[in-house]
Amino acid sequence: AWRTGYRYDQLDSGDVNVDTSLFPVLSPYKPR
């Protein structure tokens, strides 16, 4: 009746062609 688990998540915002001064949320970042 018992389970245990682990998960690892990784994102890469990659190449974004945009003016980040207008769209600050799109500044390069790698969430995990």
Full PDB file with SEQRES, HELIX, SHEET, SSBOND, CRYST1, ORIGX, SCALE, CONECT and MASTER records, all heavy atoms in Angstrom:
SEQRES   1 A   32  ALA TRP ARG THR GLY TYR ARG TYR ASP GLN LEU ASP SER          
SEQRES   2 A   32  GLY ASP VAL ASN VAL ASP THR SER LEU PHE PRO VAL LEU          
SEQRES   3 A   32  SER PRO TYR LYS PRO ARG                                      
HELIX    1 AA1 PRO A   24  LEU A   26  5                                   3    
CRYST1    1.000    1.000    1.000  90.00  90.00  90.00 P 1           1          
ORIGX1      1.000000  0.000000  0.000000        0.00000                         
ORIGX2      0.000000  1.000000  0.000000        0.00000                         
ORIGX3      0.000000  0.000000  1.000000        0.00000                         
SCALE1      1.000000  0.000000  0.000000        0.00000                         
SCALE2      0.000000  1.000000  0.000000        0.00000                         
SCALE3      0.000000  0.000000  1.000000        0.00000                         
ATOM      1  N   ALA A   1       0.806  -1.220   0.000  1.00  0.00           N  
ATOM      2  CA  ALA A   1       0.000   0.000   0.000  1.00  0.00           C  
ATOM      3  C   ALA A   1       0.839   1.270   0.000  1.00  0.00           C  
ATOM      4  O   ALA A   1       0.279   2.363   0.037  1.00  0.00           O  
ATOM      5  CB  ALA A   1      -0.941   0.007   1.203  1.00  0.00           C  
ATOM      6  N   TRP A   2       2.162   1.148  -0.067  1.00  0.00           N  
ATOM      7  CA  TRP A   2       3.041   2.312   0.091  1.00  0.00           C  
ATOM      8  C   TRP A   2       3.925   2.505  -1.129  1.00  0.00           C  
ATOM      9  O   TRP A   2       4.501   1.554  -1.657  1.00  0.00           O  
ATOM     10  CB  TRP A   2       3.925   2.148   1.331  1.00  0.00           C  
ATOM     11  CG  TRP A   2       3.174   2.239   2.621  1.00  0.00           C  
ATOM     12  CD1 TRP A   2       2.556   1.228   3.282  1.00  0.00           C  
ATOM     13  CD2 TRP A   2       2.950   3.429   3.382  1.00  0.00           C  
ATOM     14  NE1 TRP A   2       1.960   1.699   4.428  1.00  0.00           N  
ATOM     15  CE2 TRP A   2       2.185   3.052   4.517  1.00  0.00           C  
ATOM     16  CE3 TRP A   2       3.317   4.767   3.234  1.00  0.00           C  
ATOM     17  CZ2 TRP A   2       1.785   3.960   5.483  1.00  0.00           C  
ATOM     18  CZ3 TRP A   2       2.919   5.678   4.194  1.00  0.00           C  
ATOM     19  CH2 TRP A   2       2.164   5.278   5.305  1.00  0.00           C  
ATOM     20  N   ARG A   3       4.023   3.786  -1.568  1.00  0.00           N  
ATOM     21  CA  ARG A   3       4.889   4.150  -2.680  1.00  0.00           C  
ATOM     22  C   ARG A   3       5.689   5.397  -2.312  1.00  0.00           C  
ATOM     23  O   ARG A   3       5.265   6.213  -1.489  1.00  0.00           O  
ATOM     24  CB  ARG A   3       4.080   4.458  -3.943  1.00  0.00           C  
ATOM     25  CG  ARG A   3       3.115   3.403  -4.400  1.00  0.00           C  
ATOM     26  CD  ARG A   3       2.496   3.773  -5.745  1.00  0.00           C  
ATOM     27  NE  ARG A   3       1.987   5.139  -5.754  1.00  0.00           N  
ATOM     28  CZ  ARG A   3       1.733   5.851  -6.849  1.00  0.00           C  
ATOM     29  NH1 ARG A   3       1.948   5.328  -8.033  1.00  0.00           N  
ATOM     30  NH2 ARG A   3       1.261   7.084  -6.776  1.00  0.00           N  
ATOM     31  N   THR A   4       6.818   5.543  -2.964  1.00  0.00           N  
ATOM     32  CA  THR A   4       7.599   6.778  -2.847  1.00  0.00           C  
ATOM     33  C   THR A   4       8.125   7.133  -4.229  1.00  0.00           C  
ATOM     34  O   THR A   4       8.293   6.249  -5.093  1.00  0.00           O  
ATOM     35  CB  THR A   4       8.759   6.624  -1.852  1.00  0.00           C  
ATOM     36  OG1 THR A   4       9.410   7.895  -1.667  1.00  0.00           O  
ATOM     37  CG2 THR A   4       9.776   5.607  -2.344  1.00  0.00           C  
ATOM     38  N   GLY A   5       8.369   8.432  -4.463  1.00  0.00           N  
ATOM     39  CA  GLY A   5       8.799   8.838  -5.790  1.00  0.00           C  
ATOM     40  C   GLY A   5       9.576  10.143  -5.788  1.00  0.00           C  
ATOM     41  O   GLY A   5       9.510  10.932  -4.838  1.00  0.00           O  
ATOM     42  N   TYR A   6      10.327  10.354  -6.866  1.00  0.00           N  
ATOM     43  CA  TYR A   6      11.100  11.590  -7.064  1.00  0.00           C  
ATOM     44  C   TYR A   6      10.925  12.034  -8.511  1.00  0.00           C  
ATOM     45  O   TYR A   6      10.913  11.217  -9.436  1.00  0.00           O  
ATOM     46  CB  TYR A   6      12.582  11.364  -6.775  1.00  0.00           C  
ATOM     47  CG  TYR A   6      13.460  12.520  -7.220  1.00  0.00           C  
ATOM     48  CD1 TYR A   6      13.508  13.705  -6.473  1.00  0.00           C  
ATOM     49  CD2 TYR A   6      14.220  12.443  -8.381  1.00  0.00           C  
ATOM     50  CE1 TYR A   6      14.302  14.775  -6.878  1.00  0.00           C  
ATOM     51  CE2 TYR A   6      15.020  13.499  -8.793  1.00  0.00           C  
ATOM     52  CZ  TYR A   6      15.049  14.660  -8.045  1.00  0.00           C  
ATOM     53  OH  TYR A   6      15.835  15.718  -8.456  1.00  0.00           O  
ATOM     54  N   ARG A   7      10.790  13.368  -8.711  1.00  0.00           N  
ATOM     55  CA  ARG A   7      10.674  13.941 -10.046  1.00  0.00           C  
ATOM     56  C   ARG A   7      11.576  15.154 -10.161  1.00  0.00           C  
ATOM     57  O   ARG A   7      11.623  15.989  -9.248  1.00  0.00           O  
ATOM     58  CB  ARG A   7       9.225  14.342 -10.338  1.00  0.00           C  
ATOM     59  CG  ARG A   7       9.009  14.870 -11.776  1.00  0.00           C  
ATOM     60  CD  ARG A   7       7.549  15.253 -12.011  1.00  0.00           C  
ATOM     61  NE  ARG A   7       7.189  16.489 -11.307  1.00  0.00           N  
ATOM     62  CZ  ARG A   7       5.951  16.853 -11.032  1.00  0.00           C  
ATOM     63  NH1 ARG A   7       4.944  16.065 -11.363  1.00  0.00           N  
ATOM     64  NH2 ARG A   7       5.709  17.991 -10.405  1.00  0.00           N  
ATOM     65  N   TYR A   8      12.257  15.265 -11.298  1.00  0.00           N  
ATOM     66  CA  TYR A   8      13.066  16.449 -11.589  1.00  0.00           C  
ATOM     67  C   TYR A   8      12.540  17.099 -12.858  1.00  0.00           C  
ATOM     68  O   TYR A   8      12.367  16.435 -13.891  1.00  0.00           O  
ATOM     69  CB  TYR A   8      14.536  16.081 -11.768  1.00  0.00           C  
ATOM     70  CG  TYR A   8      15.397  17.281 -12.117  1.00  0.00           C  
ATOM     71  CD1 TYR A   8      15.718  18.220 -11.138  1.00  0.00           C  
ATOM     72  CD2 TYR A   8      15.856  17.487 -13.417  1.00  0.00           C  
ATOM     73  CE1 TYR A   8      16.490  19.332 -11.450  1.00  0.00           C  
ATOM     74  CE2 TYR A   8      16.634  18.595 -13.733  1.00  0.00           C  
ATOM     75  CZ  TYR A   8      16.939  19.510 -12.744  1.00  0.00           C  
ATOM     76  OH  TYR A   8      17.703  20.624 -13.054  1.00  0.00           O  
ATOM     77  N   ASP A   9      12.290  18.416 -12.797  1.00  0.00           N  
ATOM     78  CA  ASP A   9      11.798  19.198 -13.942  1.00  0.00           C  
ATOM     79  C   ASP A   9      12.855  20.211 -14.363  1.00  0.00           C  
ATOM     80  O   ASP A   9      13.509  20.831 -13.504  1.00  0.00           O  
ATOM     81  CB  ASP A   9      10.529  19.967 -13.560  1.00  0.00           C  
ATOM     82  CG  ASP A   9       9.386  19.060 -13.153  1.00  0.00           C  
ATOM     83  OD1 ASP A   9       9.416  18.535 -12.020  1.00  0.00           O  
ATOM     84  OD2 ASP A   9       8.471  18.883 -13.945  1.00  0.00           O  
ATOM     85  N   GLN A  10      12.988  20.417 -15.678  1.00  0.00           N  
ATOM     86  CA  GLN A  10      13.932  21.404 -16.195  1.00  0.00           C  
ATOM     87  C   GLN A  10      13.354  22.039 -17.460  1.00  0.00           C  
ATOM     88  O   GLN A  10      12.909  21.339 -18.375  1.00  0.00           O  
ATOM     89  CB  GLN A  10      15.268  20.746 -16.531  1.00  0.00           C  
ATOM     90  CG  GLN A  10      16.310  21.697 -17.124  1.00  0.00           C  
ATOM     91  CD  GLN A  10      16.885  22.672 -16.105  1.00  0.00           C  
ATOM     92  OE1 GLN A  10      17.599  22.265 -15.205  1.00  0.00           O  
ATOM     93  NE2 GLN A  10      16.583  23.950 -16.251  1.00  0.00           N  
ATOM     94  N   LEU A  11      13.343  23.379 -17.499  1.00  0.00           N  
ATOM     95  CA  LEU A  11      12.920  24.122 -18.678  1.00  0.00           C  
ATOM     96  C   LEU A  11      14.065  24.982 -19.177  1.00  0.00           C  
ATOM     97  O   LEU A  11      14.950  25.374 -18.408  1.00  0.00           O  
ATOM     98  CB  LEU A  11      11.713  25.017 -18.371  1.00  0.00           C  
ATOM     99  CG  LEU A  11      10.431  24.349 -17.884  1.00  0.00           C  
ATOM    100  CD1 LEU A  11       9.374  25.408 -17.582  1.00  0.00           C  
ATOM    101  CD2 LEU A  11       9.912  23.359 -18.898  1.00  0.00           C  
ATOM    102  N   ASP A  12      14.033  25.305 -20.462  1.00  0.00           N  
ATOM    103  CA  ASP A  12      15.034  26.185 -21.065  1.00  0.00           C  
ATOM    104  C   ASP A  12      14.301  27.186 -21.950  1.00  0.00           C  
ATOM    105  O   ASP A  12      13.673  26.812 -22.946  1.00  0.00           O  
ATOM    106  CB  ASP A  12      16.028  25.368 -21.890  1.00  0.00           C  
ATOM    107  CG  ASP A  12      17.186  26.206 -22.415  1.00  0.00           C  
ATOM    108  OD1 ASP A  12      17.137  27.444 -22.272  1.00  0.00           O  
ATOM    109  OD2 ASP A  12      18.134  25.631 -22.983  1.00  0.00           O  
ATOM    110  N   SER A  13      14.365  28.478 -21.572  1.00  0.00           N  
ATOM    111  CA  SER A  13      13.667  29.504 -22.362  1.00  0.00           C  
ATOM    112  C   SER A  13      14.255  29.668 -23.748  1.00  0.00           C  
ATOM    113  O   SER A  13      13.613  30.231 -24.645  1.00  0.00           O  
ATOM    114  CB  SER A  13      13.701  30.851 -21.631  1.00  0.00           C  
ATOM    115  OG  SER A  13      15.029  31.295 -21.455  1.00  0.00           O  
ATOM    116  N   GLY A  14      15.489  29.189 -23.960  1.00  0.00           N  
ATOM    117  CA  GLY A  14      16.078  29.106 -25.292  1.00  0.00           C  
ATOM    118  C   GLY A  14      16.256  30.441 -25.973  1.00  0.00           C  
ATOM    119  O   GLY A  14      16.518  31.471 -25.341  1.00  0.00           O  
ATOM    120  N   ASP A  15      16.078  30.424 -27.296  1.00  0.00           N  
ATOM    121  CA  ASP A  15      16.258  31.616 -28.123  1.00  0.00           C  
ATOM    122  C   ASP A  15      14.924  32.337 -28.287  1.00  0.00           C  
ATOM    123  O   ASP A  15      14.007  31.825 -28.935  1.00  0.00           O  
ATOM    124  CB  ASP A  15      16.820  31.240 -29.495  1.00  0.00           C  
ATOM    125  CG  ASP A  15      18.180  30.578 -29.410  1.00  0.00           C  
ATOM    126  OD1 ASP A  15      18.960  30.974 -28.514  1.00  0.00           O  
ATOM    127  OD2 ASP A  15      18.451  29.656 -30.195  1.00  0.00           O  
ATOM    128  N   VAL A  16      14.843  33.540 -27.731  1.00  0.00           N  
ATOM    129  CA  VAL A  16      13.631  34.347 -27.829  1.00  0.00           C  
ATOM    130  C   VAL A  16      13.989  35.692 -28.444  1.00  0.00           C  
ATOM    131  O   VAL A  16      14.803  36.442 -27.886  1.00  0.00           O  
ATOM    132  CB  VAL A  16      12.970  34.549 -26.445  1.00  0.00           C  
ATOM    133  CG1 VAL A  16      11.724  35.414 -26.585  1.00  0.00           C  
ATOM    134  CG2 VAL A  16      12.609  33.208 -25.822  1.00  0.00           C  
ATOM    135  N   ASN A  17      13.391  35.989 -29.586  1.00  0.00           N  
ATOM    136  CA  ASN A  17      13.643  37.248 -30.280  1.00  0.00           C  
ATOM    137  C   ASN A  17      12.514  38.218 -29.950  1.00  0.00           C  
ATOM    138  O   ASN A  17      11.457  38.208 -30.576  1.00  0.00           O  
ATOM    139  CB  ASN A  17      13.723  37.003 -31.789  1.00  0.00           C  
ATOM    140  CG  ASN A  17      13.928  38.295 -32.564  1.00  0.00           C  
ATOM    141  OD1 ASN A  17      14.432  39.280 -32.033  1.00  0.00           O  
ATOM    142  ND2 ASN A  17      13.495  38.295 -33.819  1.00  0.00           N  
ATOM    143  N   VAL A  18      12.745  39.062 -28.914  1.00  0.00           N  
ATOM    144  CA  VAL A  18      11.726  40.002 -28.482  1.00  0.00           C  
ATOM    145  C   VAL A  18      12.387  41.078 -27.630  1.00  0.00           C  
ATOM    146  O   VAL A  18      13.479  40.864 -27.067  1.00  0.00           O  
ATOM    147  CB  VAL A  18      10.607  39.283 -27.690  1.00  0.00           C  
ATOM    148  CG1 VAL A  18      11.094  38.866 -26.321  1.00  0.00           C  
ATOM    149  CG2 VAL A  18       9.346  40.131 -27.591  1.00  0.00           C  
ATOM    150  N   ASP A  19      11.753  42.224 -27.523  1.00  0.00           N  
ATOM    151  CA  ASP A  19      12.246  43.309 -26.682  1.00  0.00           C  
ATOM    152  C   ASP A  19      11.847  43.014 -25.234  1.00  0.00           C  
ATOM    153  O   ASP A  19      10.695  43.222 -24.835  1.00  0.00           O  
ATOM    154  CB  ASP A  19      11.640  44.635 -27.147  1.00  0.00           C  
ATOM    155  CG  ASP A  19      12.187  45.834 -26.372  1.00  0.00           C  
ATOM    156  OD1 ASP A  19      12.976  45.624 -25.421  1.00  0.00           O  
ATOM    157  OD2 ASP A  19      11.808  46.970 -26.714  1.00  0.00           O  
ATOM    158  N   THR A  20      12.787  42.515 -24.432  1.00  0.00           N  
ATOM    159  CA  THR A  20      12.471  42.127 -23.052  1.00  0.00           C  
ATOM    160  C   THR A  20      12.211  43.322 -22.142  1.00  0.00           C  
ATOM    161  O   THR A  20      11.716  43.141 -21.028  1.00  0.00           O  
ATOM    162  CB  THR A  20      13.606  41.276 -22.468  1.00  0.00           C  
ATOM    163  OG1 THR A  20      14.843  41.986 -22.565  1.00  0.00           O  
ATOM    164  CG2 THR A  20      13.729  39.953 -23.207  1.00  0.00           C  
ATOM    165  N   SER A  21      12.523  44.558 -22.592  1.00  0.00           N  
ATOM    166  CA  SER A  21      12.160  45.722 -21.774  1.00  0.00           C  
ATOM    167  C   SER A  21      10.644  45.913 -21.757  1.00  0.00           C  
ATOM    168  O   SER A  21      10.087  46.430 -20.781  1.00  0.00           O  
ATOM    169  CB  SER A  21      12.849  46.978 -22.314  1.00  0.00           C  
ATOM    170  OG  SER A  21      12.382  47.296 -23.628  1.00  0.00           O  
ATOM    171  N   LEU A  22       9.971  45.489 -22.834  1.00  0.00           N  
ATOM    172  CA  LEU A  22       8.510  45.524 -22.873  1.00  0.00           C  
ATOM    173  C   LEU A  22       7.899  44.252 -22.293  1.00  0.00           C  
ATOM    174  O   LEU A  22       6.791  44.272 -21.766  1.00  0.00           O  
ATOM    175  CB  LEU A  22       8.019  45.711 -24.306  1.00  0.00           C  
ATOM    176  CG  LEU A  22       8.352  47.050 -24.984  1.00  0.00           C  
ATOM    177  CD1 LEU A  22       7.851  47.052 -26.418  1.00  0.00           C  
ATOM    178  CD2 LEU A  22       7.746  48.214 -24.210  1.00  0.00           C  
ATOM    179  N   PHE A  23       8.633  43.148 -22.422  1.00  0.00           N  
ATOM    180  CA  PHE A  23       8.131  41.852 -21.959  1.00  0.00           C  
ATOM    181  C   PHE A  23       9.141  41.238 -20.985  1.00  0.00           C  
ATOM    182  O   PHE A  23       9.842  40.279 -21.329  1.00  0.00           O  
ATOM    183  CB  PHE A  23       7.892  40.923 -23.156  1.00  0.00           C  
ATOM    184  CG  PHE A  23       7.027  41.511 -24.229  1.00  0.00           C  
ATOM    185  CD1 PHE A  23       7.598  42.108 -25.347  1.00  0.00           C  
ATOM    186  CD2 PHE A  23       5.646  41.480 -24.117  1.00  0.00           C  
ATOM    187  CE1 PHE A  23       6.807  42.658 -26.340  1.00  0.00           C  
ATOM    188  CE2 PHE A  23       4.856  42.032 -25.114  1.00  0.00           C  
ATOM    189  CZ  PHE A  23       5.420  42.629 -26.225  1.00  0.00           C  
ATOM    190  N   PRO A  24       9.262  41.778 -19.771  1.00  0.00           N  
ATOM    191  CA  PRO A  24      10.288  41.314 -18.839  1.00  0.00           C  
ATOM    192  C   PRO A  24      10.139  39.865 -18.429  1.00  0.00           C  
ATOM    193  O   PRO A  24      11.131  39.222 -18.071  1.00  0.00           O  
ATOM    194  CB  PRO A  24      10.123  42.244 -17.633  1.00  0.00           C  
ATOM    195  CG  PRO A  24       8.724  42.786 -17.742  1.00  0.00           C  
ATOM    196  CD  PRO A  24       8.448  42.879 -19.202  1.00  0.00           C  
ATOM    197  N   VAL A  25       8.928  39.304 -18.474  1.00  0.00           N  
ATOM    198  CA  VAL A  25       8.743  37.914 -18.076  1.00  0.00           C  
ATOM    199  C   VAL A  25       9.445  36.963 -19.038  1.00  0.00           C  
ATOM    200  O   VAL A  25       9.716  35.810 -18.696  1.00  0.00           O  
ATOM    201  CB  VAL A  25       7.239  37.577 -17.986  1.00  0.00           C  
ATOM    202  CG1 VAL A  25       6.622  37.460 -19.369  1.00  0.00           C  
ATOM    203  CG2 VAL A  25       6.999  36.298 -17.180  1.00  0.00           C  
ATOM    204  N   LEU A  26       9.789  37.451 -20.254  1.00  0.00           N  
ATOM    205  CA  LEU A  26      10.444  36.616 -21.250  1.00  0.00           C  
ATOM    206  C   LEU A  26      11.961  36.723 -21.222  1.00  0.00           C  
ATOM    207  O   LEU A  26      12.637  36.215 -22.124  1.00  0.00           O  
ATOM    208  CB  LEU A  26       9.931  36.982 -22.650  1.00  0.00           C  
ATOM    209  CG  LEU A  26       8.436  36.718 -22.900  1.00  0.00           C  
ATOM    210  CD1 LEU A  26       8.041  37.143 -24.299  1.00  0.00           C  
ATOM    211  CD2 LEU A  26       8.117  35.258 -22.681  1.00  0.00           C  
ATOM    212  N   SER A  27      12.510  37.349 -20.195  1.00  0.00           N  
ATOM    213  CA  SER A  27      13.970  37.394 -20.049  1.00  0.00           C  
ATOM    214  C   SER A  27      14.522  35.977 -19.921  1.00  0.00           C  
ATOM    215  O   SER A  27      13.871  35.102 -19.339  1.00  0.00           O  
ATOM    216  CB  SER A  27      14.352  38.212 -18.816  1.00  0.00           C  
ATOM    217  OG  SER A  27      13.901  39.555 -18.950  1.00  0.00           O  
ATOM    218  N   PRO A  28      15.706  35.702 -20.463  1.00  0.00           N  
ATOM    219  CA  PRO A  28      16.250  34.338 -20.466  1.00  0.00           C  
ATOM    220  C   PRO A  28      16.321  33.748 -19.058  1.00  0.00           C  
ATOM    221  O   PRO A  28      16.746  34.407 -18.106  1.00  0.00           O  
ATOM    222  CB  PRO A  28      17.644  34.515 -21.063  1.00  0.00           C  
ATOM    223  CG  PRO A  28      17.562  35.768 -21.874  1.00  0.00           C  
ATOM    224  CD  PRO A  28      16.606  36.658 -21.143  1.00  0.00           C  
ATOM    225  N   TYR A  29      15.883  32.481 -18.950  1.00  0.00           N  
ATOM    226  CA  TYR A  29      15.885  31.813 -17.649  1.00  0.00           C  
ATOM    227  C   TYR A  29      15.712  30.313 -17.870  1.00  0.00           C  
ATOM    228  O   TYR A  29      15.179  29.885 -18.909  1.00  0.00           O  
ATOM    229  CB  TYR A  29      14.761  32.351 -16.763  1.00  0.00           C  
ATOM    230  CG  TYR A  29      14.794  31.840 -15.345  1.00  0.00           C  
ATOM    231  CD1 TYR A  29      15.919  32.007 -14.541  1.00  0.00           C  
ATOM    232  CD2 TYR A  29      13.688  31.181 -14.811  1.00  0.00           C  
ATOM    233  CE1 TYR A  29      15.938  31.530 -13.230  1.00  0.00           C  
ATOM    234  CE2 TYR A  29      13.698  30.713 -13.501  1.00  0.00           C  
ATOM    235  CZ  TYR A  29      14.825  30.884 -12.722  1.00  0.00           C  
ATOM    236  OH  TYR A  29      14.848  30.415 -11.436  1.00  0.00           O  
ATOM    237  N   LYS A  30      16.150  29.513 -16.899  1.00  0.00           N  
ATOM    238  CA  LYS A  30      16.015  28.061 -16.940  1.00  0.00           C  
ATOM    239  C   LYS A  30      15.328  27.583 -15.665  1.00  0.00           C  
ATOM    240  O   LYS A  30      15.992  27.212 -14.691  1.00  0.00           O  
ATOM    241  CB  LYS A  30      17.369  27.384 -17.116  1.00  0.00           C  
ATOM    242  CG  LYS A  30      18.039  27.664 -18.453  1.00  0.00           C  
ATOM    243  CD  LYS A  30      19.330  26.891 -18.615  1.00  0.00           C  
ATOM    244  CE  LYS A  30      19.951  27.140 -19.983  1.00  0.00           C  
ATOM    245  NZ  LYS A  30      21.206  26.348 -20.158  1.00  0.00           N  
ATOM    246  N   PRO A  31      14.008  27.601 -15.622  1.00  0.00           N  
ATOM    247  CA  PRO A  31      13.290  27.125 -14.437  1.00  0.00           C  
ATOM    248  C   PRO A  31      13.555  25.636 -14.182  1.00  0.00           C  
ATOM    249  O   PRO A  31      13.752  24.858 -15.119  1.00  0.00           O  
ATOM    250  CB  PRO A  31      11.821  27.362 -14.786  1.00  0.00           C  
ATOM    251  CG  PRO A  31      11.842  28.375 -15.893  1.00  0.00           C  
ATOM    252  CD  PRO A  31      13.082  28.093 -16.659  1.00  0.00           C  
ATOM    253  N   ARG A  32      13.519  25.247 -12.918  1.00  0.00           N  
ATOM    254  CA  ARG A  32      13.702  23.847 -12.553  1.00  0.00           C  
ATOM    255  C   ARG A  32      12.941  23.565 -11.258  1.00  0.00           C  
ATOM    256  O   ARG A  32      12.515  24.500 -10.565  1.00  0.00           O  
ATOM    257  CB  ARG A  32      15.190  23.507 -12.386  1.00  0.00           C  
ATOM    258  CG  ARG A  32      15.866  24.224 -11.243  1.00  0.00           C  
ATOM    259  CD  ARG A  32      17.374  24.051 -11.284  1.00  0.00           C  
ATOM    260  NE  ARG A  32      18.008  24.554 -10.077  1.00  0.00           N  
ATOM    261  CZ  ARG A  32      18.295  25.813  -9.834  1.00  0.00           C  
ATOM    262  NH1 ARG A  32      17.980  26.740 -10.744  1.00  0.00           N  
ATOM    263  NH2 ARG A  32      18.881  26.183  -8.716  1.00  0.00           N  
TER     264      ARG A  32                                                      
MASTER        0    0    0    1    0    0    0    6  263    1    0    3          
END                                                                             
